[in-house]
C-alpha atoms as a PDB file:
ATOM      1  CA  MET A   1       0.000   0.000   0.000  1.00  0.00           C
ATOM      2  CA  LYS A   2       1.397   3.381  -1.023  1.00  0.00           C
ATOM      3  CA  GLU A   3       1.942   5.729   1.912  1.00  0.00           C
ATOM      4  CA  LEU A   4       0.383   9.189   1.506  1.00  0.00           C
ATOM      5  CA  GLU A   5       2.398  12.220   2.546  1.00  0.00           C
ATOM      6  CA  THR A   6      -0.282  14.789   1.752  1.00  0.00           C
ATOM      7  CA  TYR A   7      -4.001  14.735   1.098  1.00  0.00           C
ATOM      8  CA  SER A   8      -6.191  17.410  -0.462  1.00  0.00           C
ATOM      9  CA  ALA A   9      -9.603  17.767   1.221  1.00  0.00           C
ATOM     10  CA  LYS A  10     -12.721  19.209  -0.405  1.00  0.00           C
ATOM     11  CA  ILE A  11     -14.729  22.012   1.178  1.00  0.00           C
ATOM     12  CA  ILE A  12     -18.325  20.796   1.096  1.00  0.00           C
ATOM     13  CA  ALA A  13     -20.048  23.694   2.857  1.00  0.00           C
ATOM     14  CA  HIS A  14     -19.676  26.878   4.888  1.00  0.00           C
ATOM     15  CA  ILE A  15     -21.402  27.791   8.119  1.00  0.00           C
ATOM     16  CA  GLU A  16     -23.248  31.043   8.768  1.00  0.00           C
ATOM     17  CA  THR A  17     -23.077  32.305  12.377  1.00  0.00           C
ATOM     18  CA  ASP A  18     -23.345  35.574  14.305  1.00  0.00           C
ATOM     19  CA  PHE A  19     -19.568  35.827  14.824  1.00  0.00           C
ATOM     20  CA  PRO A  20     -17.616  37.696  12.109  1.00  0.00           C
ATOM     21  CA  ALA A  21     -14.384  37.417  14.150  1.00  0.00           C
ATOM     22  CA  LYS A  22     -12.853  34.919  16.592  1.00  0.00           C
ATOM     23  CA  PHE A  23     -13.181  36.977  19.776  1.00  0.00           C
ATOM     24  CA  GLY A  24     -16.315  36.065  21.716  1.00  0.00           C
ATOM     25  CA  ILE A  25     -16.840  32.629  20.197  1.00  0.00           C
ATOM     26  CA  PRO A  26     -17.417  29.946  22.882  1.00  0.00           C
ATOM     27  CA  ARG A  27     -14.313  27.875  23.512  1.00  0.00           C
ATOM     28  CA  GLN A  28     -16.097  24.602  22.778  1.00  0.00           C
ATOM     29  CA  SER A  29     -19.215  23.543  20.927  1.00  0.00           C
ATOM     30  CA  GLY A  30     -22.378  22.896  22.895  1.00  0.00           C
ATOM     31  CA  LEU A  31     -21.607  25.412  25.649  1.00  0.00           C
ATOM     32  CA  VAL A  32     -24.186  27.894  24.330  1.00  0.00           C
ATOM     33  CA  ASP A  33     -27.141  26.019  22.870  1.00  0.00           C
ATOM     34  CA  GLU A  34     -28.924  29.327  22.225  1.00  0.00           C
ATOM     35  CA  LEU A  35     -26.522  30.081  19.372  1.00  0.00           C
ATOM     36  CA  ARG A  36     -27.868  29.302  15.913  1.00  0.00           C
ATOM     37  CA  GLY A  37     -25.976  28.535  12.718  1.00  0.00           C
ATOM     38  CA  ARG A  38     -26.735  27.456   9.147  1.00  0.00           C
ATOM     39  CA  VAL A  39     -24.646  24.922   7.234  1.00  0.00           C
ATOM     40  CA  VAL A  40     -24.940  25.901   3.556  1.00  0.00           C
ATOM     41  CA  PHE A  41     -23.540  23.364   1.114  1.00  0.00           C
ATOM     42  CA  GLU A  42     -21.471  24.174  -1.938  1.00  0.00           C
ATOM     43  CA  PRO A  43     -23.380  23.748  -5.256  1.00  0.00           C
ATOM     44  CA  GLN A  44     -21.846  20.374  -6.136  1.00  0.00           C
ATOM     45  CA  TYR A  45     -22.910  18.911  -2.759  1.00  0.00           C
ATOM     46  CA  ARG A  46     -26.518  20.125  -2.704  1.00  0.00           C
ATOM     47  CA  ASP A  47     -28.093  16.856  -3.797  1.00  0.00           C
ATOM     48  CA  PRO A  48     -30.936  16.246  -1.279  1.00  0.00           C
ATOM     49  CA  GLU A  49     -30.130  12.538  -1.399  1.00  0.00           C
ATOM     50  CA  ALA A  50     -26.872  13.253   0.446  1.00  0.00           C
ATOM     51  CA  LEU A  51     -28.942  14.180   3.536  1.00  0.00           C
ATOM     52  CA  ARG A  52     -31.446  11.334   3.381  1.00  0.00           C
ATOM     53  CA  GLY A  53     -32.030  10.059   6.938  1.00  0.00           C
ATOM     54  CA  ILE A  54     -30.186  12.870   8.711  1.00  0.00           C
ATOM     55  CA  GLU A  55     -33.375  14.054  10.469  1.00  0.00           C
ATOM     56  CA  GLY A  56     -33.200  10.891  12.562  1.00  0.00           C
ATOM     57  CA  PHE A  57     -30.155  12.219  14.430  1.00  0.00           C
ATOM     58  CA  SER A  58     -30.378  14.867  17.151  1.00  0.00           C
ATOM     59  CA  HIS A  59     -26.709  15.876  16.947  1.00  0.00           C
ATOM     60  CA  LEU A  60     -24.029  16.065  14.278  1.00  0.00           C
ATOM     61  CA  TRP A  61     -20.249  16.255  14.091  1.00  0.00           C
ATOM     62  CA  LEU A  62     -18.918  19.090  11.963  1.00  0.00           C
ATOM     63  CA  ILE A  63     -15.357  18.658  10.709  1.00  0.00           C
ATOM     64  CA  TRP A  64     -14.025  22.025   9.673  1.00  0.00           C
ATOM     65  CA  LEU A  65     -11.009  24.078   8.717  1.00  0.00           C
ATOM     66  CA  PHE A  66      -9.317  26.673  10.940  1.00  0.00           C
ATOM     67  CA  SER A  67      -9.211  28.987   7.928  1.00  0.00           C
ATOM     68  CA  GLU A  68      -8.090  32.015   9.992  1.00  0.00           C
ATOM     69  CA  ALA A  69      -5.356  30.214  11.946  1.00  0.00           C
ATOM     70  CA  GLU A  70      -3.218  28.403   9.390  1.00  0.00           C
ATOM     71  CA  ARG A  71       0.541  28.809   9.802  1.00  0.00           C
ATOM     72  CA  GLU A  72       3.641  27.587   8.053  1.00  0.00           C
ATOM     73  CA  GLY A  73       5.153  24.763  10.086  1.00  0.00           C
ATOM     74  CA  TRP A  74       4.023  23.686  13.526  1.00  0.00           C
ATOM     75  CA  SER A  75       5.168  23.524  17.148  1.00  0.00           C
ATOM     76  CA  PRO A  76       4.956  20.409  19.365  1.00  0.00           C
ATOM     77  CA  THR A  77       3.711  22.562  22.257  1.00  0.00           C
ATOM     78  CA  VAL A  78       1.145  25.360  22.519  1.00  0.00           C
ATOM     79  CA  ARG A  79      -0.175  27.707  25.221  1.00  0.00           C
ATOM     80  CA  PRO A  80      -3.860  26.909  25.945  1.00  0.00           C
ATOM     81  CA  PRO A  81      -5.796  30.119  26.723  1.00  0.00           C
ATOM     82  CA  ARG A  82      -7.583  28.463  29.649  1.00  0.00           C
ATOM     83  CA  LEU A  83      -4.213  28.001  31.366  1.00  0.00           C
ATOM     84  CA  GLY A  84      -3.565  31.723  31.199  1.00  0.00           C
ATOM     85  CA  GLY A  85      -1.391  31.565  28.096  1.00  0.00           C
ATOM     86  CA  ASN A  86       1.715  30.904  30.190  1.00  0.00           C
ATOM     87  CA  LYS A  87       1.843  27.111  30.489  1.00  0.00           C
ATOM     88  CA  ARG A  88       2.762  24.917  27.543  1.00  0.00           C
ATOM     89  CA  MET A  89       1.023  21.644  26.704  1.00  0.00           C
ATOM     90  CA  GLY A  90       1.518  19.179  23.882  1.00  0.00           C
ATOM     91  CA  VAL A  91      -0.363  20.232  20.775  1.00  0.00           C
ATOM     92  CA  PHE A  92      -2.062  16.826  20.558  1.00  0.00           C
ATOM     93  CA  ALA A  93      -3.245  17.218  24.179  1.00  0.00           C
ATOM     94  CA  THR A  94      -5.140  20.394  23.241  1.00  0.00           C
ATOM     95  CA  ARG A  95      -7.665  21.668  20.724  1.00  0.00           C
ATOM     96  CA  SER A  96      -5.410  24.498  19.624  1.00  0.00           C
ATOM     97  CA  PRO A  97      -5.926  25.652  16.019  1.00  0.00           C
ATOM     98  CA  PHE A  98      -2.150  25.708  15.486  1.00  0.00           C
ATOM     99  CA  ARG A  99      -1.662  22.074  14.473  1.00  0.00           C
ATOM    100  CA  PRO A 100       0.036  20.188  11.626  1.00  0.00           C
ATOM    101  CA  ASN A 101      -3.395  20.032   9.987  1.00  0.00           C
ATOM    102  CA  ALA A 102      -5.624  22.985  10.915  1.00  0.00           C
ATOM    103  CA  ILE A 103      -8.755  20.866  11.384  1.00  0.00           C
ATOM    104  CA  GLY A 104     -11.462  21.396  14.003  1.00  0.00           C
ATOM    105  CA  LEU A 105     -14.236  19.174  15.329  1.00  0.00           C
ATOM    106  CA  SER A 106     -17.549  20.390  16.763  1.00  0.00           C
ATOM    107  CA  CYS A 107     -20.644  18.612  18.012  1.00  0.00           C
ATOM    108  CA  VAL A 108     -23.808  20.586  17.243  1.00  0.00           C
ATOM    109  CA  ARG A 109     -27.522  19.980  17.737  1.00  0.00           C
ATOM    110  CA  LEU A 110     -29.552  19.567  14.556  1.00  0.00           C
ATOM    111  CA  VAL A 111     -32.507  21.939  14.775  1.00  0.00           C
ATOM    112  CA  SER A 112     -33.992  21.384  11.328  1.00  0.00           C
ATOM    113  CA  VAL A 113     -33.308  20.637   7.680  1.00  0.00           C
ATOM    114  CA  GLU A 114     -34.564  23.477   5.524  1.00  0.00           C
ATOM    115  CA  LYS A 115     -35.211  23.679   1.788  1.00  0.00           C
ATOM    116  CA  THR A 116     -33.884  27.008   0.476  1.00  0.00           C
ATOM    117  CA  PRO A 117     -32.894  28.582  -2.875  1.00  0.00           C
ATOM    118  CA  HIS A 118     -29.360  27.464  -1.934  1.00  0.00           C
ATOM    119  CA  GLY A 119     -30.335  23.831  -1.568  1.00  0.00           C
ATOM    120  CA  MET A 120     -30.971  21.929   1.650  1.00  0.00           C
ATOM    121  CA  VAL A 121     -29.554  23.793   4.651  1.00  0.00           C
ATOM    122  CA  LEU A 122     -28.819  22.395   8.111  1.00  0.00           C
ATOM    123  CA  ASN A 123     -29.986  24.665  10.923  1.00  0.00           C
ATOM    124  CA  VAL A 124     -27.857  23.848  13.962  1.00  0.00           C
ATOM    125  CA  ALA A 125     -27.461  24.979  17.574  1.00  0.00           C
ATOM    126  CA  GLY A 126     -24.406  25.316  19.792  1.00  0.00           C
ATOM    127  CA  ALA A 127     -21.766  25.858  17.117  1.00  0.00           C
ATOM    128  CA  ASP A 128     -18.426  27.385  18.173  1.00  0.00           C
ATOM    129  CA  LEU A 129     -17.540  28.603  14.687  1.00  0.00           C
ATOM    130  CA  MET A 130     -16.844  31.910  13.008  1.00  0.00           C
ATOM    131  CA  ASN A 131     -19.093  33.028  10.169  1.00  0.00           C
ATOM    132  CA  GLY A 132     -17.900  31.581   6.857  1.00  0.00           C
ATOM    133  CA  THR A 133     -15.869  28.729   8.359  1.00  0.00           C
ATOM    134  CA  PRO A 134     -15.282  26.026   5.704  1.00  0.00           C
ATOM    135  CA  ILE A 135     -16.877  22.660   6.503  1.00  0.00           C
ATOM    136  CA  LEU A 136     -14.980  19.558   5.367  1.00  0.00           C
ATOM    137  CA  ASP A 137     -17.513  16.930   6.440  1.00  0.00           C
ATOM    138  CA  VAL A 138     -20.736  16.297   8.351  1.00  0.00           C
ATOM    139  CA  LYS A 139     -21.212  13.074  10.312  1.00  0.00           C
ATOM    140  CA  PRO A 140     -24.001  11.884  12.625  1.00  0.00           C
ATOM    141  CA  TYR A 141     -23.311  11.814  16.361  1.00  0.00           C
ATOM    142  CA  LEU A 142     -23.926   8.279  17.650  1.00  0.00           C
ATOM    143  CA  PRO A 143     -24.667   8.200  21.414  1.00  0.00           C
ATOM    144  CA  ILE A 144     -23.692   4.556  21.810  1.00  0.00           C
ATOM    145  CA  ALA A 145     -20.328   5.133  20.133  1.00  0.00           C
ATOM    146  CA  ASP A 146     -19.460   8.780  20.773  1.00  0.00           C
ATOM    147  CA  CYS A 147     -20.574   9.203  24.401  1.00  0.00           C
ATOM    148  CA  ARG A 148     -18.076   8.032  27.025  1.00  0.00           C
ATOM    149  CA  PRO A 149     -19.315   8.952  30.546  1.00  0.00           C
ATOM    150  CA  GLU A 150     -16.132   7.537  32.087  1.00  0.00           C
ATOM    151  CA  ALA A 151     -13.836   9.743  29.995  1.00  0.00           C
ATOM    152  CA  LEU A 152     -11.337  12.018  31.769  1.00  0.00           C
ATOM    153  CA  GLY A 153     -11.085  15.694  30.849  1.00  0.00           C
ATOM    154  CA  GLY A 154      -7.389  16.294  31.586  1.00  0.00           C
ATOM    155  CA  PHE A 155      -6.396  19.871  32.377  1.00  0.00           C
ATOM    156  CA  ALA A 156      -9.629  21.137  30.745  1.00  0.00           C
ATOM    157  CA  LYS A 157     -11.690  19.554  33.533  1.00  0.00           C
ATOM    158  CA  GLU A 158     -10.112  21.895  36.072  1.00  0.00           C
ATOM    159  CA  HIS A 159     -11.645  24.902  34.324  1.00  0.00           C
ATOM    160  CA  GLU A 160     -15.162  23.590  33.732  1.00  0.00           C
ATOM    161  CA  GLY A 161     -18.098  25.465  35.196  1.00  0.00           C
ATOM    162  CA  HIS A 162     -16.517  28.932  35.110  1.00  0.00           C
ATOM    163  CA  SER A 163     -19.204  31.486  34.340  1.00  0.00           C
ATOM    164  CA  LEU A 164     -20.026  35.117  35.021  1.00  0.00           C
ATOM    165  CA  ALA A 165     -23.148  36.920  36.106  1.00  0.00           C
ATOM    166  CA  VAL A 166     -24.253  39.152  33.225  1.00  0.00           C
ATOM    167  CA  GLU A 167     -25.814  42.584  33.618  1.00  0.00           C
ATOM    168  CA  ILE A 168     -27.227  44.397  30.582  1.00  0.00           C
ATOM    169  CA  PRO A 169     -28.946  47.703  31.313  1.00  0.00           C
ATOM    170  CA  PRO A 170     -32.494  47.699  29.876  1.00  0.00           C
ATOM    171  CA  HIS A 171     -31.817  50.550  27.445  1.00  0.00           C
ATOM    172  CA  LEU A 172     -28.910  48.559  25.961  1.00  0.00           C
ATOM    173  CA  ALA A 173     -30.789  45.256  25.951  1.00  0.00           C
ATOM    174  CA  ASP A 174     -33.455  46.993  23.838  1.00  0.00           C
ATOM    175  CA  ARG A 175     -30.849  47.477  21.086  1.00  0.00           C
ATOM    176  CA  VAL A 176     -30.410  43.706  20.716  1.00  0.00           C
ATOM    177  CA  PRO A 177     -32.961  41.831  18.581  1.00  0.00           C
ATOM    178  CA  SER A 178     -35.199  39.868  20.940  1.00  0.00           C
ATOM    179  CA  GLU A 179     -34.363  36.564  19.256  1.00  0.00           C
ATOM    180  CA  LYS A 180     -30.629  37.166  19.830  1.00  0.00           C
ATOM    181  CA  LEU A 181     -30.675  38.408  23.432  1.00  0.00           C
ATOM    182  CA  ALA A 182     -30.633  35.031  25.192  1.00  0.00           C
ATOM    183  CA  ALA A 183     -27.737  33.828  23.037  1.00  0.00           C
ATOM    184  CA  LEU A 184     -25.766  37.014  23.714  1.00  0.00           C
ATOM    185  CA  LYS A 185     -26.242  36.667  27.478  1.00  0.00           C
ATOM    186  CA  ALA A 186     -25.138  33.025  27.342  1.00  0.00           C
ATOM    187  CA  VAL A 187     -22.033  33.933  25.322  1.00  0.00           C
ATOM    188  CA  LEU A 188     -21.086  36.665  27.776  1.00  0.00           C
ATOM    189  CA  ALA A 189     -21.601  34.345  30.747  1.00  0.00           C
ATOM    190  CA  GLN A 190     -18.887  32.083  29.307  1.00  0.00           C
ATOM    191  CA  ASP A 191     -16.373  34.936  29.845  1.00  0.00           C
ATOM    192  CA  PRO A 192     -14.994  35.828  26.394  1.00  0.00           C
ATOM    193  CA  ARG A 193     -11.846  37.464  27.842  1.00  0.00           C
ATOM    194  CA  PRO A 194      -8.407  35.883  27.443  1.00  0.00           C
ATOM    195  CA  ALA A 195      -7.741  33.958  30.667  1.00  0.00           C
ATOM    196  CA  TYR A 196      -4.699  36.083  31.500  1.00  0.00           C
ATOM    197  CA  GLN A 197      -6.570  39.428  31.484  1.00  0.00           C
ATOM    198  CA  HIS A 198      -8.254  40.519  34.736  1.00  0.00           C
ATOM    199  CA  ASP A 199      -8.203  44.336  34.658  1.00  0.00           C
ATOM    200  CA  PRO A 200     -11.633  45.472  35.981  1.00  0.00           C
ATOM    201  CA  GLU A 201     -11.212  48.848  34.265  1.00  0.00           C
ATOM    202  CA  ARG A 202     -10.543  47.445  30.823  1.00  0.00           C
ATOM    203  CA  VAL A 203     -13.348  47.678  28.283  1.00  0.00           C
ATOM    204  CA  TYR A 204     -13.541  44.657  25.979  1.00  0.00           C
ATOM    205  CA  GLY A 205     -15.465  44.457  22.753  1.00  0.00           C
ATOM    206  CA  PHE A 206     -16.554  42.024  20.084  1.00  0.00           C
ATOM    207  CA  THR A 207     -19.045  41.855  17.237  1.00  0.00           C
ATOM    208  CA  PHE A 208     -22.127  39.681  17.548  1.00  0.00           C
ATOM    209  CA  ALA A 209     -25.087  39.569  15.142  1.00  0.00           C
ATOM    210  CA  GLY A 210     -24.017  42.837  13.547  1.00  0.00           C
ATOM    211  CA  LEU A 211     -23.674  44.642  16.892  1.00  0.00           C
ATOM    212  CA  GLU A 212     -20.539  45.826  18.665  1.00  0.00           C
ATOM    213  CA  ILE A 213     -20.776  44.701  22.291  1.00  0.00           C
ATOM    214  CA  LYS A 214     -18.670  46.604  24.863  1.00  0.00           C
ATOM    215  CA  PHE A 215     -18.271  45.224  28.392  1.00  0.00           C
ATOM    216  CA  THR A 216     -16.214  45.180  31.582  1.00  0.00           C
ATOM    217  CA  VAL A 217     -15.718  42.409  34.161  1.00  0.00           C
ATOM    218  CA  SER A 218     -15.292  42.950  37.882  1.00  0.00           C
ATOM    219  CA  GLY A 219     -15.788  40.575  40.799  1.00  0.00           C
ATOM    220  CA  GLY A 220     -17.388  37.819  38.741  1.00  0.00           C
ATOM    221  CA  VAL A 221     -19.902  40.190  37.130  1.00  0.00           C
ATOM    222  CA  LEU A 222     -19.829  41.146  33.459  1.00  0.00           C
ATOM    223  CA  THR A 223     -21.488  44.474  32.731  1.00  0.00           C
ATOM    224  CA  VAL A 224     -22.383  45.546  29.217  1.00  0.00           C
ATOM    225  CA  LYS A 225     -21.341  49.182  28.740  1.00  0.00           C
ATOM    226  CA  ASN A 226     -22.530  49.808  25.204  1.00  0.00           C
ATOM    227  CA  VAL A 227     -24.235  48.176  22.254  1.00  0.00           C
ATOM    228  CA  ILE A 228     -23.443  49.839  18.942  1.00  0.00           C
END
């Protein structure tokens, strides 16, 4: 059998989300179920037969490309943000985008399959992806095979459960579309800041659903300062 040194993958779809940039995106899929996304297939993969039976699955695996994080070469160790950016771990012991192959994996909930002018679209919940991220494959999540209750979480387990109280003044909450407000609050509760930044006076900002969200964090409370 001939050994392959390289392999060229096909982009089968792109995902549409409310995040035009990386800042603010949840660190893992499934953390914010309120988030909605649309998987839109490329023209050559829009045959409805390719999705036959997919409605029978509640969750899907999305295999995707870190299109904004590709680098020449690779390093055997990386600095996970959840460890404050100061401690190095092996790249294969993390989900860092800076890998030999810049491939990501996300488990999302299938909300619906929709017929559109752009073919059949998958409406999904809980995606941790930037708008326009290329999708390399879609696979069904199989509870009997993919769920391992006895699995250990390594260093990531130590940082589970961290969340912030979120305060959005009513006059600013009114600037957010009602159907997006719950998702925004859930995103903010996950603490979008880099783990090594704790200045209570610093104003952070990111774009969500076409809005610029400005906030500060002090004493475990995130306060939205402006919505533009």
